[in-house]
């Protein structure tokens, strides 16, 4: 399995799925990070598209996205102890006694203290990535996604654009471009609803963009909406696009076509 990364090779070997390596290599799925970036549902969908058996795909998905353990059942509430015959009330709280005297609170157990520390760690804000490092990562992922897109590996392209977006780049133009390109990848895969959604996000991500870029994003949103059967959404996208750039020829042509189709011409 020289064509895939070492970690992916080890994962496939541990699951006895070595036979999948050539298919992954052909689709440029070369590392575990790319698989996990897809999420379970998209991973299963993409594996089905490239001809992976459902049982093998499920085995891999279960390994990458193990189901969350069921929450432990709450312990039964102990029944209240009966009052002693001398009329004293039994203290049922931890550390209390049966004499009616006030007992101290129970010490926090080691397990509870450890759980508290973990909770505090999880609540800490994420560390901010160095701006230079962030820019480098976004550019690397964008170029990788573009290569996938040009090679016709649209599922890989969509997943890699998603990785870049997950870094939350602060540059509005970069975010708009990532959504715009991911929209194209979804459109090529027949995911029309997702394509329309991403095109809308692209149009909205850069409020001060050049009108022609905003109009292009709205055109893509309208085109994908039409493909999904959402005529109302398409009309809204065309209207917003023409508001941004009233001279947009592609939007005018699409609007004319929609009107002709509606009139049955």
Protein backbone atom coordinates (compact mmCIF):
# COMPACT_ATOMS: atom_id res chain seq x y z
CA UNK A 1 0.00 0.00 0.00
CA UNK A 2 2.72 2.44 -1.06
CA UNK A 3 0.25 4.84 -2.66
CA UNK A 4 -1.47 5.78 0.59
CA UNK A 5 -0.05 7.27 3.76
CA UNK A 6 1.34 5.08 6.50
CA UNK A 7 -1.48 5.86 8.91
CA UNK A 8 -4.12 4.99 6.32
CA UNK A 9 -2.25 1.81 5.39
CA UNK A 10 -2.15 0.75 9.04
CA UNK A 11 -5.84 1.52 9.48
CA UNK A 12 -6.84 -0.52 6.44
CA UNK A 13 -4.61 -3.40 7.56
CA UNK A 14 -6.10 -3.41 11.05
CA UNK A 15 -9.58 -3.64 9.53
CA UNK A 16 -8.53 -6.23 6.92
CA UNK A 17 -9.47 -3.81 4.18
CA UNK A 18 -6.13 -3.71 2.38
CA UNK A 19 -7.91 -4.35 -0.91
CA UNK A 20 -9.39 -0.85 -0.76
CA UNK A 21 -5.97 0.82 -1.03
CA UNK A 22 -5.82 0.88 -4.87
CA UNK A 23 -9.27 2.46 -5.11
CA UNK A 24 -8.32 5.08 -2.52
CA UNK A 25 -5.05 5.82 -4.31
CA UNK A 26 -6.86 6.23 -7.63
CA UNK A 27 -9.25 8.75 -6.03
CA UNK A 28 -6.34 10.58 -4.32
CA UNK A 29 -7.69 9.63 -0.90
CA UNK A 30 -4.30 9.17 0.65
CA UNK A 31 -4.61 9.93 4.35
CA UNK A 32 -6.90 9.41 7.32
CA UNK A 33 -7.37 13.16 7.87
CA UNK A 34 -9.13 13.51 4.53
CA UNK A 35 -11.50 10.67 5.38
CA UNK A 36 -12.38 12.07 8.79
CA UNK A 37 -12.94 15.57 7.38
CA UNK A 38 -15.88 14.23 5.37
CA UNK A 39 -17.96 13.20 8.37
CA UNK A 40 -19.66 9.82 8.60
CA UNK A 41 -22.57 10.42 6.22
CA UNK A 42 -20.53 12.05 3.46
CA UNK A 43 -17.84 9.39 3.83
CA UNK A 44 -20.37 6.59 3.29
CA UNK A 45 -21.85 8.44 0.33
CA UNK A 46 -18.46 9.03 -1.27
CA UNK A 47 -17.34 5.44 -0.75
CA UNK A 48 -20.53 4.23 -2.39
CA UNK A 49 -19.86 6.52 -5.36
CA UNK A 50 -16.44 4.98 -5.97
CA UNK A 51 -17.81 1.44 -5.75
CA UNK A 52 -16.81 0.38 -2.24
CA UNK A 53 -18.98 -2.43 -0.83
CA UNK A 54 -21.46 -1.23 1.79
CA UNK A 55 -20.14 -3.65 4.42
CA UNK A 56 -16.55 -2.47 3.92
CA UNK A 57 -17.61 1.18 3.93
CA UNK A 58 -19.55 0.68 7.15
CA UNK A 59 -16.59 -1.06 8.80
CA UNK A 60 -14.33 1.84 7.91
CA UNK A 61 -16.89 4.45 9.00
CA UNK A 62 -17.39 2.69 12.34
CA UNK A 63 -13.64 2.74 12.92
CA UNK A 64 -13.31 6.43 12.08
CA UNK A 65 -16.55 7.53 13.76
CA UNK A 66 -17.25 5.13 16.63
CA UNK A 67 -20.75 5.45 18.06
CA UNK A 68 -21.01 7.38 21.29
CA UNK A 69 -21.44 5.13 24.33
CA UNK A 70 -24.90 5.10 25.81
CA UNK A 71 -25.14 7.27 28.93
CA UNK A 72 -25.01 5.37 32.17
CA UNK A 73 -28.32 4.90 33.88
CA UNK A 74 -28.86 7.20 36.82
CA UNK A 75 -28.55 5.37 40.13
CA UNK A 76 -31.81 4.66 41.87
CA UNK A 77 -32.69 7.11 44.59
CA UNK A 78 -32.30 5.34 47.90
CA UNK A 79 -35.43 5.05 49.95
CA UNK A 80 -35.59 7.29 52.96
CA UNK A 81 -34.63 5.53 56.15
CA UNK A 82 -37.44 5.16 58.67
CA UNK A 83 -37.43 7.50 61.63
CA UNK A 84 -36.06 5.86 64.75
CA UNK A 85 -38.40 5.22 67.60
CA UNK A 86 -36.78 7.92 69.73
CA UNK A 87 -38.05 10.62 67.39
CA UNK A 88 -34.64 11.68 65.99
CA UNK A 89 -34.45 12.31 62.23
CA UNK A 90 -31.93 10.18 60.36
CA UNK A 91 -29.51 12.30 58.31
CA UNK A 92 -29.40 10.60 54.91
CA UNK A 93 -26.88 13.06 53.44
CA UNK A 94 -23.27 11.95 52.83
CA UNK A 95 -21.27 12.23 56.00
CA UNK A 96 -24.34 12.42 58.20
CA UNK A 97 -25.06 10.02 61.00
CA UNK A 98 -28.12 8.54 62.58
CA UNK A 99 -27.82 10.51 65.75
CA UNK A 100 -29.31 13.71 64.44
CA UNK A 101 -25.98 15.53 64.77
CA UNK A 102 -24.72 17.62 61.85
CA UNK A 103 -22.12 15.71 59.83
CA UNK A 104 -19.62 17.31 57.48
CA UNK A 105 -19.94 17.03 53.68
CA UNK A 106 -18.30 14.07 52.01
CA UNK A 107 -14.90 14.67 50.44
CA UNK A 108 -14.84 14.90 46.64
CA UNK A 109 -13.72 11.59 45.19
CA UNK A 110 -10.69 11.29 42.94
CA UNK A 111 -12.95 10.35 40.02
CA UNK A 112 -15.11 13.46 40.51
CA UNK A 113 -12.06 15.69 40.76
CA UNK A 114 -10.63 14.20 37.56
CA UNK A 115 -13.93 14.68 35.75
CA UNK A 116 -14.02 18.30 36.88
CA UNK A 117 -10.52 18.92 35.55
CA UNK A 118 -11.46 17.41 32.19
CA UNK A 119 -14.58 19.57 32.03
CA UNK A 120 -12.57 22.70 32.77
CA UNK A 121 -10.08 21.80 30.04
CA UNK A 122 -12.87 21.28 27.51
CA UNK A 123 -14.33 24.67 28.36
CA UNK A 124 -11.09 26.49 27.61
CA UNK A 125 -11.21 28.50 24.36
CA UNK A 126 -9.38 27.05 21.39
CA UNK A 127 -5.84 28.30 20.93
CA UNK A 128 -5.55 30.85 18.15
CA UNK A 129 -3.42 29.64 15.24
CA UNK A 130 -0.57 31.91 14.26
CA UNK A 131 -1.81 34.06 11.34
CA UNK A 132 1.11 33.07 9.13
CA UNK A 133 0.57 29.39 9.84
CA UNK A 134 -3.17 29.75 9.25
CA UNK A 135 -2.63 31.41 5.88
CA UNK A 136 -0.17 28.70 4.86
CA UNK A 137 -2.59 25.91 5.81
CA UNK A 138 -5.52 27.52 4.02
CA UNK A 139 -3.49 28.05 0.85
CA UNK A 140 -2.16 24.49 0.92
CA UNK A 141 -5.63 23.01 1.34
CA UNK A 142 -7.11 25.30 -1.31
CA UNK A 143 -4.48 24.28 -3.85
CA UNK A 144 -5.00 20.62 -3.00
CA UNK A 145 -8.76 20.99 -3.39
CA UNK A 146 -8.33 22.79 -6.70
CA UNK A 147 -6.14 19.95 -7.98
CA UNK A 148 -8.83 17.45 -7.03
CA UNK A 149 -11.45 19.58 -8.76
CA UNK A 150 -9.45 19.87 -11.99
CA UNK A 151 -8.84 16.11 -11.93
CA UNK A 152 -12.56 15.44 -11.67
CA UNK A 153 -12.27 14.12 -8.10
CA UNK A 154 -15.15 16.25 -6.92
CA UNK A 155 -15.87 14.40 -3.67
CA UNK A 156 -12.26 14.84 -2.60
CA UNK A 157 -12.38 18.48 -3.64
CA UNK A 158 -15.51 19.14 -1.57
CA UNK A 159 -13.96 17.45 1.47
CA UNK A 160 -10.73 19.42 1.17
CA UNK A 161 -12.53 22.74 0.71
CA UNK A 162 -14.41 21.83 3.90
CA UNK A 163 -11.09 21.32 5.70
CA UNK A 164 -9.97 24.79 4.62
CA UNK A 165 -13.24 26.38 5.72
CA UNK A 166 -12.98 24.66 9.10
CA UNK A 167 -9.85 26.74 9.77
CA UNK A 168 -12.09 29.84 9.64
CA UNK A 169 -9.77 32.06 7.59
CA UNK A 170 -10.32 35.74 8.48
CA UNK A 171 -10.08 36.85 4.83
CA UNK A 172 -13.62 37.35 3.49
CA UNK A 173 -12.55 36.95 -0.12
CA UNK A 174 -10.86 33.63 0.64
CA UNK A 175 -13.95 32.37 2.45
CA UNK A 176 -16.17 33.41 -0.46
CA UNK A 177 -13.88 31.64 -2.94
CA UNK A 178 -13.87 28.45 -0.86
CA UNK A 179 -17.67 28.37 -0.69
CA UNK A 180 -17.91 29.18 -4.41
CA UNK A 181 -15.56 26.36 -5.36
CA UNK A 182 -17.17 23.88 -2.98
CA UNK A 183 -20.50 24.77 -4.58
CA UNK A 184 -19.07 23.76 -7.95
CA UNK A 185 -17.87 20.45 -6.52
CA UNK A 186 -21.30 19.71 -5.06
CA UNK A 187 -22.95 20.65 -8.37
CA UNK A 188 -20.72 18.22 -10.25
CA UNK A 189 -21.72 15.49 -7.79
CA UNK A 190 -25.41 16.18 -8.29
CA UNK A 191 -25.79 17.62 -4.79
CA UNK A 192 -27.90 20.52 -5.98
CA UNK A 193 -29.22 21.66 -2.60
CA UNK A 194 -25.71 21.80 -1.14
CA UNK A 195 -24.46 23.59 -4.25
CA UNK A 196 -27.15 26.26 -3.94
CA UNK A 197 -26.45 26.69 -0.22
CA UNK A 198 -22.71 27.15 -0.73
CA UNK A 199 -23.22 29.58 -3.60
CA UNK A 200 -25.47 31.69 -1.37
CA UNK A 201 -22.84 31.61 1.36
CA UNK A 202 -20.23 32.70 -1.18
CA UNK A 203 -22.37 35.66 -2.23
CA UNK A 204 -22.92 36.69 1.38
CA UNK A 205 -19.39 36.08 2.68
CA UNK A 206 -17.86 39.14 1.03
CA UNK A 207 -20.29 42.08 1.34
CA UNK A 208 -17.94 44.50 -0.43
CA UNK A 209 -16.98 42.21 -3.28
CA UNK A 210 -16.91 43.39 -6.87
CA UNK A 211 -20.48 43.27 -8.23
CA UNK A 212 -19.57 40.78 -10.95
CA UNK A 213 -18.21 38.29 -8.39
CA UNK A 214 -21.30 38.59 -6.25
CA UNK A 215 -23.49 38.21 -9.33
CA UNK A 216 -21.57 35.10 -10.38
CA UNK A 217 -22.22 33.51 -6.98
CA UNK A 218 -25.93 34.32 -7.18
CA UNK A 219 -26.06 32.90 -10.71
CA UNK A 220 -24.57 29.65 -9.41
CA UNK A 221 -27.08 29.63 -6.54
CA UNK A 222 -29.96 30.12 -8.98
CA UNK A 223 -28.68 27.45 -11.36
CA UNK A 224 -28.33 24.89 -8.56
CA UNK A 225 -31.70 25.82 -7.10
CA UNK A 226 -33.33 25.22 -10.48
CA UNK A 227 -31.62 21.85 -10.73
CA UNK A 228 -33.06 20.91 -7.34
CA UNK A 229 -36.55 21.97 -8.40
CA UNK A 230 -36.60 25.08 -6.22
CA UNK A 231 -37.97 27.65 -8.65
CA UNK A 232 -38.76 30.14 -5.91
CA UNK A 233 -35.23 29.97 -4.55
CA UNK A 234 -33.84 30.38 -8.05
CA UNK A 235 -35.96 33.47 -8.69
CA UNK A 236 -34.83 35.00 -5.41
CA UNK A 237 -31.18 34.32 -6.24
CA UNK A 238 -31.56 35.91 -9.68
CA UNK A 239 -33.18 38.99 -8.15
CA UNK A 240 -30.40 39.36 -5.58
CA UNK A 241 -27.76 38.88 -8.26
CA UNK A 242 -29.26 41.54 -10.51
CA UNK A 243 -29.50 43.86 -7.53
CA UNK A 244 -25.74 43.47 -7.06
CA UNK A 245 -24.96 43.78 -10.77
CA UNK A 246 -27.89 44.95 -12.94
CA UNK A 247 -25.79 44.49 -16.09
CA UNK A 248 -25.02 40.78 -15.52
CA UNK A 249 -25.68 39.06 -18.85
CA UNK A 250 -25.68 35.49 -17.44
CA UNK A 251 -28.30 36.43 -14.85
CA UNK A 252 -30.45 38.20 -17.43
CA UNK A 253 -30.27 35.16 -19.70
CA UNK A 254 -31.20 32.83 -16.85
CA UNK A 255 -34.07 35.09 -15.85
CA UNK A 256 -35.37 35.15 -19.43
CA UNK A 257 -35.15 31.36 -19.63
CA UNK A 258 -37.04 30.96 -16.36
CA UNK A 259 -39.78 33.30 -17.56
CA UNK A 260 -40.04 31.45 -20.86
CA UNK A 261 -40.25 28.10 -19.08
CA UNK A 262 -42.93 29.46 -16.75
CA UNK A 263 -44.93 30.67 -19.75
CA UNK A 264 -44.55 27.32 -21.46
CA UNK A 265 -42.67 28.77 -24.41
